[in-house]
Amino acid sequence: MKNILLIFITMWSIQSLANNLTIEVNPVQPVVGEQFSLLFNIETTERDEPYISFNPGTARVVGRNSEGQSVMTSIVNGKISIKKTISFRYSLVAEKSGNLRISDIVVDLAGTKLTHKDLRLTVLKEAPETPDIFVLAVPSKTDVFVGEGVDVNYYLYTRLNVIASQIKEYPKLSDFVKRFQNPDERTETVEYGGRVFYRASKYMARVYATAPGIAKIDPLRLEVNYAKGDPNSFFGMSARNMMKRTLTSKKVELNVRPLPTENLPTNFTGLVGKHDFKLSVPRTKYLVNEAVEAKLEVTGEGALENFNAPKIYNSEFLEEFDTKSEIVPLNNQVVRKDFEYTLLARDHLQIDTRVETFYYFDPDAERYIGVDVEIPAIEVGGSASASVNKNKPTESRVTQELKKEEKREISLLAPTFIGSEEKGLAVNFYYLNLGFSGAILLILLSMVRFSVVRIPEEIQEHYHALNKGRYTYTDMFQVLSKLNGDGGVLTKIETSEMNEESKKYFTRLYKGIEQEVFKNQKNTVNNKIKRKHLKELERVLKV
């Protein structure tokens, strides 16, 4: 019975994977009273014709045509597999301007139902006049969840002879965590507004909205040198036809939805999109005072820049050092973040094997998905070099060495050779010397300003990088994002409690780092931050 059930489940899974539905909207922004189309592309292994249904909202369906079908035959392990793609085009007319929602999209394939998420369109009152050259920001989607990745391409559309182009102002994208990508500047031919254009990507970024509501994709300013005339004609490029123009793309708004609170796991990672987790522990047995090492690799399409190292092993007899992290780009959508853990075993201990579940949010399925990771057992044995208090972890090796150094410093007084008849005088000089040294020490201590570090634990690693003067854009973003207030980093700086001089300093510094990372494509910045401004930032950071 179990075998029959397993075969049925397997056949159902294969059948589900064999069917797929995609929908193309043309034009993406319809005009009131003018037709637009929905092209349904259905991949299936079924022979029956699909039944399509949907709710057109305030639009009116005026026609349906079959766009034909294509058949692909393949042979795998001696078995013939036939897969076909059927296309149907529906013609609609929008009755009024504004937002249009096409919902309840279902395709029935011999009892197997394919669904598609709602289509949200913007209907224009009248068709805009399309110029011969312009810049357009094109996001991969406009309805997203907080933390969901969106690819934004800034395209140059032209019907003219473009000689050269240069970016004059980069988009701020302050509503997002952003990751620069190398644009594909190959020219392609596309249709826009009923006309044929050449277009090429001039700037590209993957962005992640940080808060629900409306997130704005800021404009890009591009300076273009071009010649009037046929773009395929060399003779149209005379000197008097040469032109220079600065183009600015329009702002694009994304509708950002909050993550659902229903069935929210307690150990949700905060990551949105598919992610994999891989833990490697080279050894499971250690000696006391020996380093325990582990490496966690997290791979996915989410904003891993914001993902901090999760706790792997927890014991009062494990002294944890700063966990090193590094982001490795794999492609335009997926990166890998490596965490290297180093712990020091201070006493005998044994930690059993356990399974930790890491949850991410799937924006397509709109549900939380867990990935189980086995945390291997570790055992620490052998003889400790010193006795250990069972109720309190022993001092670290570094602390012990510092105390030894302090003792050495106290004993570094010049020896005094004392004769029997000079003993009394020498003793007086000794105490006088000791008192004088103590007075100097008190004066020096009074000149030192002691301050309590007010840096939240989750950003201490990033703050230390800023303090050292060798840091990344991610380090700067993580620290400044902890400032109180709403909005992006620049807004938080402006509304923070820092003095005006420090506000201006960090605003210039943040913009400069963006320039280095997104224009010059530098991963690490070497720039010592002025101490007084770093102290001012430290003062206002939330504990």
Protein backbone atom coordinates (compact mmCIF):
# COMPACT_ATOMS: atom_id res chain seq x y z
CA MET A 1 0.00 0.00 0.00
CA LYS A 2 2.85 2.37 0.90
CA ASN A 3 4.56 1.65 -2.44
CA ILE A 4 1.35 2.43 -4.36
CA LEU A 5 0.96 5.71 -2.45
CA LEU A 6 4.59 6.65 -3.13
CA ILE A 7 4.16 5.97 -6.87
CA PHE A 8 0.99 8.10 -6.92
CA ILE A 9 2.71 11.02 -5.17
CA THR A 10 5.70 10.80 -7.53
CA MET A 11 3.44 10.77 -10.63
CA TRP A 12 1.49 13.76 -9.28
CA SER A 13 4.72 15.71 -8.62
CA ILE A 14 6.04 15.01 -12.12
CA GLN A 15 2.70 16.03 -13.63
CA SER A 16 2.70 19.32 -11.66
CA LEU A 17 6.24 20.16 -12.74
CA ALA A 18 5.35 19.40 -16.37
CA ASN A 19 2.71 22.17 -16.49
CA ASN A 20 3.62 25.85 -16.42
CA LEU A 21 1.80 29.15 -17.01
CA THR A 22 3.20 32.56 -17.94
CA ILE A 23 1.30 35.71 -18.97
CA GLU A 24 2.57 38.65 -21.05
CA VAL A 25 0.83 42.06 -20.99
CA ASN A 26 1.15 44.39 -24.00
CA PRO A 27 1.40 47.29 -23.54
CA VAL A 28 2.26 47.20 -19.85
CA GLN A 29 0.47 50.54 -19.37
CA PRO A 30 -2.82 50.43 -21.33
CA VAL A 31 -4.70 53.57 -22.39
CA VAL A 32 -8.38 54.17 -21.66
CA GLY A 33 -10.52 53.07 -24.63
CA GLU A 34 -7.64 51.34 -26.44
CA GLN A 35 -7.10 47.61 -26.69
CA PHE A 36 -4.39 45.78 -24.81
CA SER A 37 -3.66 42.07 -24.76
CA LEU A 38 -2.96 39.22 -22.33
CA LEU A 39 -0.91 36.44 -23.90
CA PHE A 40 -1.26 33.13 -22.02
CA ASN A 41 1.65 30.74 -22.65
CA ILE A 42 0.85 27.27 -21.30
CA GLU A 43 3.43 24.49 -21.18
CA THR A 44 1.80 21.09 -20.76
CA THR A 45 1.97 17.38 -21.52
CA GLU A 46 -1.83 17.10 -21.62
CA ARG A 47 -3.63 16.54 -24.92
CA ASP A 48 -6.87 18.30 -23.97
CA GLU A 49 -7.32 21.98 -24.75
CA PRO A 50 -6.97 24.14 -21.62
CA TYR A 51 -9.88 26.09 -20.17
CA ILE A 52 -8.88 29.65 -19.17
CA SER A 53 -10.79 31.87 -16.76
CA PHE A 54 -10.04 35.19 -15.04
CA ASN A 55 -11.74 38.27 -13.61
CA PRO A 56 -10.93 41.30 -15.84
CA GLY A 57 -11.90 43.83 -13.15
CA THR A 58 -12.96 47.15 -14.68
CA ALA A 59 -11.70 46.10 -18.14
CA ARG A 60 -13.83 44.47 -20.83
CA VAL A 61 -12.84 41.34 -22.80
CA VAL A 62 -13.40 41.93 -26.53
CA GLY A 63 -11.67 38.97 -28.17
CA ARG A 64 -9.80 35.66 -27.89
CA ASN A 65 -7.45 34.15 -30.45
CA SER A 66 -5.27 31.05 -30.56
CA GLU A 67 -1.63 31.91 -31.21
CA GLY A 68 -0.81 28.33 -32.18
CA GLN A 69 1.32 25.75 -30.42
CA SER A 70 4.80 24.27 -30.51
CA VAL A 71 5.74 20.67 -29.72
CA MET A 72 9.06 19.42 -28.31
CA THR A 73 9.90 15.71 -28.22
CA SER A 74 12.73 14.30 -26.14
CA ILE A 75 13.99 10.81 -25.32
CA VAL A 76 15.27 10.22 -21.78
CA ASN A 77 16.40 6.70 -20.71
CA GLY A 78 14.65 5.22 -23.71
CA LYS A 79 11.32 6.88 -22.91
CA ILE A 80 9.71 9.40 -25.24
CA SER A 81 8.51 12.62 -23.62
CA ILE A 82 6.32 15.08 -25.53
CA LYS A 83 5.88 18.63 -24.25
CA LYS A 84 3.89 21.32 -26.01
CA THR A 85 3.39 25.05 -25.53
CA ILE A 86 -0.06 26.48 -26.31
CA SER A 87 -0.62 30.24 -26.56
CA PHE A 88 -3.90 32.18 -26.38
CA ARG A 89 -4.25 35.95 -26.72
CA TYR A 90 -7.11 37.80 -25.03
CA SER A 91 -7.93 41.36 -26.16
CA LEU A 92 -9.29 43.75 -23.53
CA VAL A 93 -10.33 47.39 -23.32
CA ALA A 94 -9.87 49.43 -20.14
CA GLU A 95 -12.99 51.35 -19.20
CA LYS A 96 -11.38 53.92 -16.88
CA SER A 97 -7.95 55.22 -15.90
CA GLY A 98 -6.12 54.36 -12.71
CA ASN A 99 -5.31 51.01 -11.18
CA LEU A 100 -6.60 47.86 -12.87
CA ARG A 101 -6.48 44.46 -11.17
CA ILE A 102 -6.96 41.23 -13.13
CA SER A 103 -7.59 38.44 -10.62
CA ASP A 104 -8.76 34.84 -10.17
CA ILE A 105 -6.55 33.59 -13.01
CA VAL A 106 -7.01 29.82 -13.45
CA VAL A 107 -6.11 27.41 -16.29
CA ASP A 108 -7.79 23.98 -16.13
CA LEU A 109 -5.80 21.17 -17.80
CA ALA A 110 -7.86 17.98 -17.68
CA GLY A 111 -8.52 18.46 -13.98
CA THR A 112 -5.11 19.92 -13.17
CA LYS A 113 -5.47 23.61 -12.31
CA LEU A 114 -2.73 26.17 -12.86
CA THR A 115 -3.05 29.51 -11.05
CA HIS A 116 -1.29 32.83 -11.53
CA LYS A 117 -0.93 35.74 -9.14
CA ASP A 118 -3.06 38.83 -9.80
CA LEU A 119 -1.94 41.26 -12.49
CA ARG A 120 -1.85 44.90 -11.36
CA LEU A 121 -1.78 47.43 -14.20
CA THR A 122 -1.83 51.22 -14.44
CA VAL A 123 -4.28 52.54 -17.04
CA LEU A 124 -3.37 55.92 -18.58
CA LYS A 125 -5.88 58.63 -19.51
CA GLU A 126 -4.15 59.24 -22.83
CA ALA A 127 -1.21 57.82 -24.74
CA PRO A 128 1.97 59.80 -24.01
CA GLU A 129 3.94 61.15 -26.91
CA THR A 130 7.07 59.05 -27.14
CA PRO A 131 10.27 61.01 -27.89
CA ASP A 132 13.00 59.65 -30.15
CA ILE A 133 15.43 59.23 -27.24
CA PHE A 134 14.82 58.77 -23.50
CA VAL A 135 15.92 56.89 -20.37
CA LEU A 136 13.54 54.49 -18.65
CA ALA A 137 13.87 52.63 -15.34
CA VAL A 138 12.43 49.11 -15.71
CA PRO A 139 12.00 47.02 -12.53
CA SER A 140 11.52 43.25 -12.83
CA LYS A 141 8.34 43.59 -10.72
CA THR A 142 6.37 46.42 -9.11
CA ASP A 143 4.43 44.53 -6.44
CA VAL A 144 6.80 43.02 -3.88
CA PHE A 145 7.26 42.05 -0.25
CA VAL A 146 9.65 43.70 2.18
CA GLY A 147 13.11 42.23 1.55
CA GLU A 148 12.19 40.72 -1.83
CA GLY A 149 14.81 41.20 -4.54
CA VAL A 150 13.98 43.33 -7.59
CA ASP A 151 16.26 43.81 -10.60
CA VAL A 152 16.20 47.39 -11.89
CA ASN A 153 17.55 48.21 -15.34
CA TYR A 154 17.99 51.79 -16.53
CA TYR A 155 17.67 51.57 -20.32
CA LEU A 156 18.54 54.12 -22.96
CA TYR A 157 15.85 53.96 -25.68
CA THR A 158 16.73 55.62 -28.97
CA ARG A 159 15.81 55.97 -32.63
CA LEU A 160 18.86 58.18 -33.23
CA ASN A 161 22.59 57.65 -33.78
CA VAL A 162 24.03 57.60 -30.25
CA ILE A 163 27.77 58.35 -30.32
CA ALA A 164 28.52 58.27 -26.58
CA SER A 165 26.79 58.40 -23.22
CA GLN A 166 27.92 59.18 -19.67
CA ILE A 167 26.11 58.92 -16.34
CA LYS A 168 25.93 62.34 -14.68
CA GLU A 169 24.00 61.39 -11.55
CA TYR A 170 23.41 57.94 -10.12
CA PRO A 171 20.07 56.98 -8.54
CA LYS A 172 20.10 57.24 -4.75
CA LEU A 173 17.68 54.34 -4.16
CA SER A 174 17.54 55.32 -0.48
CA ASP A 175 14.42 53.20 0.14
CA PHE A 176 16.38 50.03 -0.56
CA VAL A 177 19.36 47.90 0.27
CA LYS A 178 21.09 47.83 -3.11
CA ARG A 179 23.65 45.71 -4.88
CA PHE A 180 25.38 47.05 -7.99
CA GLN A 181 25.49 44.83 -11.08
CA ASN A 182 27.37 45.12 -14.34
CA PRO A 183 24.84 46.13 -17.01
CA ASP A 184 24.62 44.27 -20.30
CA GLU A 185 25.10 47.13 -22.78
CA ARG A 186 24.39 45.06 -25.86
CA THR A 187 21.86 46.81 -28.10
CA GLU A 188 18.52 45.10 -28.71
CA THR A 189 15.47 46.01 -30.78
CA VAL A 190 12.20 46.43 -28.89
CA GLU A 191 8.74 47.89 -29.39
CA TYR A 192 7.63 50.69 -27.11
CA GLY A 193 4.49 52.81 -27.47
CA GLY A 194 3.78 51.30 -30.88
CA ARG A 195 7.22 52.28 -32.22
CA VAL A 196 10.48 50.37 -32.70
CA PHE A 197 13.49 51.45 -30.61
CA TYR A 198 17.04 50.37 -29.98
CA ARG A 199 17.78 50.03 -26.30
CA ALA A 200 20.79 49.24 -24.08
CA SER A 201 21.13 48.97 -20.31
CA LYS A 202 23.26 51.77 -18.83
CA TYR A 203 22.90 51.04 -15.12
CA MET A 204 21.67 47.99 -13.24
CA ALA A 205 21.11 47.18 -9.58
CA ARG A 206 19.36 44.59 -7.48
CA VAL A 207 17.35 46.27 -4.75
CA TYR A 208 15.51 45.15 -1.60
CA ALA A 209 12.82 47.36 -0.08
CA THR A 210 13.38 47.93 3.64
CA ALA A 211 9.87 48.99 4.74
CA PRO A 212 6.26 48.42 3.62
CA GLY A 213 4.41 51.10 1.68
CA ILE A 214 5.52 52.90 -1.46
CA ALA A 215 9.21 52.61 -2.36
CA LYS A 216 10.53 54.96 -5.02
CA ILE A 217 13.08 54.03 -7.66
CA ASP A 218 14.96 57.29 -8.11
CA PRO A 219 15.86 58.76 -11.52
CA LEU A 220 19.14 58.41 -13.38
CA ARG A 221 20.67 61.38 -15.24
CA LEU A 222 22.48 60.48 -18.45
CA GLU A 223 24.38 62.76 -20.82
CA VAL A 224 24.08 61.59 -24.44
CA ASN A 225 25.91 62.67 -27.60
CA TYR A 226 23.92 61.75 -30.69
CA ALA A 227 23.29 62.64 -34.31
CA LYS A 228 19.92 63.21 -35.91
CA GLY A 229 18.99 60.96 -38.80
CA ASP A 230 18.63 57.27 -39.59
CA PRO A 231 20.55 55.27 -36.94
CA ASN A 232 21.56 52.78 -39.64
CA SER A 233 22.96 55.49 -41.91
CA PHE A 234 26.54 56.70 -41.46
CA PHE A 235 25.93 59.69 -43.76
CA GLY A 236 23.39 61.14 -41.37
CA MET A 237 26.19 61.89 -38.89
CA SER A 238 27.38 65.26 -40.17
CA ALA A 239 28.94 67.76 -37.77
CA ARG A 240 25.95 70.10 -37.82
CA ASN A 241 23.63 67.24 -36.84
CA MET A 242 25.65 66.41 -33.70
CA MET A 243 23.70 67.05 -30.50
CA LYS A 244 24.29 66.79 -26.76
CA ARG A 245 21.46 66.26 -24.32
CA THR A 246 20.98 65.34 -20.66
CA LEU A 247 18.19 62.81 -20.09
CA THR A 248 16.51 61.97 -16.78
CA SER A 249 14.41 58.89 -16.15
CA LYS A 250 11.09 59.16 -14.36
CA LYS A 251 10.59 57.91 -10.82
CA VAL A 252 9.00 54.49 -10.56
CA GLU A 253 6.99 53.42 -7.53
CA LEU A 254 6.91 49.92 -6.08
CA ASN A 255 4.08 48.68 -3.90
CA VAL A 256 5.83 47.02 -0.95
CA ARG A 257 3.76 44.63 1.14
CA PRO A 258 4.65 43.64 4.72
CA LEU A 259 5.54 40.03 5.44
CA PRO A 260 2.56 38.08 6.82
CA THR A 261 2.47 37.66 10.59
CA GLU A 262 0.30 34.55 10.40
CA ASN A 263 2.35 31.38 10.96
CA LEU A 264 5.49 33.47 11.44
CA PRO A 265 8.24 31.14 12.77
CA THR A 266 10.02 32.23 15.94
CA ASN A 267 13.42 31.63 14.30
CA PHE A 268 12.66 33.37 10.99
CA THR A 269 15.94 34.52 9.40
CA GLY A 270 14.42 37.62 7.80
CA LEU A 271 15.46 36.39 4.35
CA VAL A 272 13.03 36.55 1.44
CA GLY A 273 13.39 34.21 -1.54
CA LYS A 274 14.84 30.70 -1.82
CA HIS A 275 17.94 30.05 0.31
CA ASP A 276 20.15 27.08 1.10
CA PHE A 277 22.18 26.54 4.28
CA LYS A 278 25.29 24.38 4.54
CA LEU A 279 27.29 23.86 7.75
CA SER A 280 30.72 22.23 7.82
CA VAL A 281 32.59 21.31 11.02
CA PRO A 282 36.00 19.75 10.25
CA ARG A 283 36.33 17.94 13.60
CA THR A 284 34.07 16.84 16.41
CA LYS A 285 36.67 16.09 19.17
CA TYR A 286 38.93 18.72 20.72
CA LEU A 287 41.23 19.28 23.68
CA VAL A 288 40.77 21.93 26.34
CA ASN A 289 42.12 25.33 25.17
CA GLU A 290 41.94 24.21 21.54
CA ALA A 291 40.16 26.25 18.85
CA VAL A 292 36.81 24.93 17.59
CA GLU A 293 36.12 26.00 14.01
CA ALA A 294 32.96 25.86 11.88
CA LYS A 295 31.81 27.36 8.58
CA LEU A 296 28.25 28.21 7.54
CA GLU A 297 27.46 28.92 3.87
CA VAL A 298 24.16 30.65 3.11
CA THR A 299 23.26 30.86 -0.58
CA GLY A 300 20.22 32.63 -1.98
CA GLU A 301 18.57 35.56 -3.70
CA GLY A 302 17.79 37.62 -0.61
CA ALA A 303 19.50 40.59 1.02
CA LEU A 304 22.27 38.61 2.70
CA GLU A 305 24.05 41.89 3.44
CA ASN A 306 21.62 42.26 6.36
CA PHE A 307 21.87 38.66 7.56
CA ASN A 308 23.98 38.24 10.70
CA ALA A 309 25.72 35.07 11.84
CA PRO A 310 23.31 32.77 13.71
CA LYS A 311 24.39 31.04 16.92
CA ILE A 312 25.70 27.53 16.19
CA TYR A 313 27.12 26.30 19.50
CA ASN A 314 26.19 27.75 22.87
CA SER A 315 28.03 26.92 26.10
CA GLU A 316 29.50 28.92 28.95
CA PHE A 317 32.75 27.02 28.41
CA LEU A 318 33.03 28.06 24.75
CA GLU A 319 34.66 31.46 24.32
CA GLU A 320 33.48 32.92 21.01
CA PHE A 321 35.64 35.26 18.94
CA ASP A 322 34.43 37.66 16.23
CA THR A 323 32.85 35.67 13.41
CA LYS A 324 34.29 36.54 10.02
CA SER A 325 31.87 36.96 7.11
CA GLU A 326 32.28 37.41 3.37
CA ILE A 327 29.82 37.82 0.48
CA VAL A 328 30.60 36.00 -2.76
CA PRO A 329 28.48 36.95 -5.85
CA LEU A 330 27.42 33.90 -7.89
CA ASN A 331 25.26 35.65 -10.51
CA ASN A 332 23.10 38.76 -10.83
CA GLN A 333 20.43 37.40 -8.47
CA VAL A 334 22.22 34.95 -6.17
CA VAL A 335 25.08 35.49 -3.71
CA ARG A 336 26.69 33.34 -1.04
CA LYS A 337 27.58 34.59 2.42
CA ASP A 338 30.24 32.64 4.31
CA PHE A 339 30.50 32.76 8.09
CA GLU A 340 33.68 31.45 9.72
CA TYR A 341 33.24 30.70 13.44
CA THR A 342 36.14 30.41 15.90
CA LEU A 343 35.51 29.34 19.49
CA LEU A 344 37.91 28.38 22.29
CA ALA A 345 37.08 25.39 24.50
CA ARG A 346 37.83 26.41 28.11
CA ASP A 347 36.82 23.17 29.85
CA HIS A 348 35.54 19.63 29.34
CA LEU A 349 32.16 19.64 27.64
CA GLN A 350 29.91 17.61 25.36
CA ILE A 351 27.27 19.06 23.04
CA ASP A 352 24.88 16.60 21.40
CA THR A 353 23.85 16.59 17.75
CA ARG A 354 20.79 18.70 17.05
CA VAL A 355 18.81 19.90 14.03
CA GLU A 356 18.34 23.65 13.56
CA THR A 357 15.62 24.87 11.20
CA PHE A 358 16.27 28.10 9.30
CA TYR A 359 13.16 29.72 7.80
CA TYR A 360 12.91 32.01 4.79
CA PHE A 361 9.83 33.55 3.15
CA ASP A 362 8.84 32.39 -0.35
CA PRO A 363 7.21 35.44 -2.06
CA ASP A 364 5.66 33.34 -4.87
CA ALA A 365 4.04 30.77 -2.59
CA GLU A 366 3.51 33.47 0.07
CA ARG A 367 4.52 31.18 2.91
CA TYR A 368 7.46 30.47 5.23
CA ILE A 369 9.67 27.53 4.30
CA GLY A 370 12.10 25.81 6.67
CA VAL A 371 15.49 24.30 5.85
CA ASP A 372 16.83 21.76 8.34
CA VAL A 373 20.56 21.90 9.13
CA GLU A 374 22.24 19.27 11.28
CA ILE A 375 24.57 20.74 13.92
CA PRO A 376 27.16 18.00 14.62
CA ALA A 377 27.99 16.98 18.17
CA ILE A 378 31.31 18.16 19.62
CA GLU A 379 33.28 16.78 22.55
CA VAL A 380 36.07 18.51 24.46
CA GLY A 381 38.36 16.37 26.62
CA GLY A 382 41.95 16.16 27.77
CA SER A 383 43.57 17.83 30.76
CA ALA A 384 43.19 21.56 31.21
CA SER A 385 46.35 23.51 31.91
CA ALA A 386 44.74 25.13 34.97
CA SER A 387 41.88 24.38 37.30
CA VAL A 388 38.50 25.56 36.15
CA ASN A 389 35.70 27.00 38.23
CA LYS A 390 32.58 25.04 37.24
CA ASN A 391 30.30 27.98 37.98
CA LYS A 392 32.28 30.56 36.03
CA PRO A 393 34.24 30.29 32.75
CA THR A 394 38.01 30.68 33.11
CA GLU A 395 39.76 33.79 31.95
CA SER A 396 40.78 33.81 28.31
CA ARG A 397 44.39 33.30 27.32
CA VAL A 398 44.55 36.93 26.14
CA THR A 399 43.35 38.21 29.55
CA GLN A 400 45.93 36.09 31.34
CA GLU A 401 48.72 37.38 29.13
CA LEU A 402 47.65 40.98 29.78
CA LYS A 403 47.83 40.41 33.51
CA LYS A 404 51.31 38.93 33.14
CA GLU A 405 52.37 42.03 31.20
CA GLU A 406 51.00 44.27 33.96
CA LYS A 407 53.09 42.38 36.53
CA ARG A 408 56.18 42.71 34.37
CA GLU A 409 55.63 46.47 34.03
CA ILE A 410 55.38 46.89 37.81
CA SER A 411 58.72 45.09 38.29
CA LEU A 412 60.59 47.23 35.75
CA LEU A 413 62.08 49.58 38.37
CA ALA A 414 65.84 50.09 38.25
CA PRO A 415 67.64 48.02 40.94
CA THR A 416 69.07 49.90 43.89
CA PHE A 417 72.27 48.57 45.43
CA ILE A 418 72.31 49.41 49.12
CA GLY A 419 75.25 49.34 51.47
CA SER A 420 74.77 48.70 55.15
CA GLU A 421 75.54 52.31 56.16
CA GLU A 422 73.29 53.79 53.40
CA LYS A 423 70.26 51.57 53.96
CA GLY A 424 68.11 54.16 55.74
CA LEU A 425 68.77 56.86 53.15
CA ALA A 426 68.11 54.42 50.29
CA VAL A 427 64.79 53.36 51.80
CA ASN A 428 63.72 57.01 51.96
CA PHE A 429 64.70 57.53 48.32
CA TYR A 430 62.82 54.38 47.37
CA TYR A 431 59.56 55.55 48.94
CA LEU A 432 60.06 59.05 47.53
CA ASN A 433 60.57 57.55 44.05
CA LEU A 434 57.51 55.34 44.46
CA GLY A 435 55.33 58.27 45.58
CA PHE A 436 56.56 60.47 42.73
CA SER A 437 55.78 57.69 40.20
CA GLY A 438 52.30 57.27 41.66
CA ALA A 439 51.60 61.01 41.36
CA ILE A 440 52.64 61.01 37.68
CA LEU A 441 50.42 57.97 37.07
CA LEU A 442 47.41 59.73 38.64
CA ILE A 443 47.99 62.83 36.48
CA LEU A 444 48.16 60.73 33.32
CA LEU A 445 45.01 58.80 34.24
CA SER A 446 43.13 62.07 34.84
CA MET A 447 43.97 63.15 31.30
CA VAL A 448 42.44 60.02 29.76
CA ARG A 449 38.77 60.11 28.83
CA PHE A 450 36.99 56.85 29.44
CA SER A 451 33.82 56.15 27.56
CA VAL A 452 31.43 53.23 27.57
CA VAL A 453 30.97 51.69 24.13
CA ARG A 454 27.33 52.01 23.23
CA ILE A 455 27.39 49.89 20.10
CA PRO A 456 24.58 47.31 19.67
CA GLU A 457 25.90 43.77 19.58
CA GLU A 458 24.56 42.97 16.11
CA ILE A 459 26.65 45.72 14.45
CA GLN A 460 29.81 45.58 16.53
CA GLU A 461 31.69 43.72 13.77
CA HIS A 462 30.76 46.42 11.26
CA TYR A 463 31.58 49.25 13.71
CA HIS A 464 35.04 47.78 14.39
CA ALA A 465 35.69 47.78 10.63
CA LEU A 466 34.84 51.52 10.51
CA ASN A 467 37.06 52.14 13.50
CA LYS A 468 40.00 50.43 11.78
CA GLY A 469 39.57 52.50 8.61
CA ARG A 470 39.19 49.51 6.29
CA TYR A 471 35.55 48.74 5.63
CA THR A 472 32.90 47.95 3.01
CA TYR A 473 29.68 49.63 1.93
CA THR A 474 27.82 46.96 3.91
CA ASP A 475 29.70 47.93 7.12
CA MET A 476 28.78 51.59 6.70
CA PHE A 477 25.15 50.79 5.80
CA GLN A 478 24.65 48.44 8.76
CA VAL A 479 25.98 50.96 11.30
CA LEU A 480 24.16 54.03 9.96
CA SER A 481 20.91 52.06 9.61
CA LYS A 482 20.88 51.73 13.40
CA LEU A 483 20.29 55.46 13.82
CA ASN A 484 16.82 56.29 15.11
CA GLY A 485 14.21 57.43 12.63
CA ASP A 486 12.37 56.31 9.51
CA GLY A 487 13.41 56.31 5.88
CA GLY A 488 16.73 55.59 4.23
CA VAL A 489 20.25 56.06 5.58
CA LEU A 490 20.61 59.67 4.42
CA THR A 491 17.28 60.58 6.02
CA LYS A 492 18.32 58.92 9.29
CA ILE A 493 21.58 60.87 9.30
CA GLU A 494 19.72 64.15 8.71
CA THR A 495 17.16 63.51 11.48
CA SER A 496 19.61 62.03 13.99
CA GLU A 497 20.79 63.70 17.22
CA MET A 498 24.34 64.15 15.91
CA ASN A 499 25.70 67.66 15.69
CA GLU A 500 25.48 69.41 12.32
CA GLU A 501 29.18 69.02 11.55
CA SER A 502 29.02 65.23 12.01
CA LYS A 503 25.80 65.02 9.99
CA LYS A 504 27.46 66.72 7.03
CA TYR A 505 30.58 64.60 7.46
CA PHE A 506 28.73 61.25 7.39
CA THR A 507 26.46 62.40 4.55
CA ARG A 508 29.50 63.17 2.39
CA LEU A 509 31.22 59.98 3.50
CA TYR A 510 28.21 57.77 2.71
CA LYS A 511 27.73 59.31 -0.73
CA GLY A 512 31.45 58.93 -1.43
CA ILE A 513 31.37 55.23 -0.52
CA GLU A 514 28.38 54.72 -2.83
CA GLN A 515 30.40 56.33 -5.61
CA GLU A 516 33.36 54.01 -4.94
CA VAL A 517 31.20 50.87 -4.78
CA PHE A 518 28.67 51.48 -7.52
CA LYS A 519 30.73 53.50 -9.99
CA ASN A 520 34.30 52.38 -9.46
CA GLN A 521 33.19 48.90 -8.30
CA LYS A 522 35.51 48.80 -5.27
CA ASN A 523 34.54 46.30 -2.59
CA THR A 524 36.70 47.65 0.25
CA VAL A 525 37.33 51.27 1.17
CA ASN A 526 40.53 52.42 2.91
CA ASN A 527 39.61 55.67 4.64
CA LYS A 528 40.28 56.51 8.28
CA ILE A 529 37.18 58.10 9.80
CA LYS A 530 37.83 61.18 11.93
CA ARG A 531 37.77 60.25 15.59
CA LYS A 532 35.54 63.10 16.77
CA HIS A 533 32.82 62.19 14.27
CA LEU A 534 33.05 58.49 15.11
CA LYS A 535 32.62 59.36 18.78
CA GLU A 536 29.60 61.52 17.94
CA LEU A 537 28.07 58.63 15.99
CA GLU A 538 28.77 56.28 18.89
CA ARG A 539 27.04 58.70 21.28
CA VAL A 540 23.70 58.66 19.47
CA LEU A 541 23.56 55.01 18.44
CA LYS A 542 20.77 53.05 20.05
CA VAL A 543 22.00 50.52 22.62
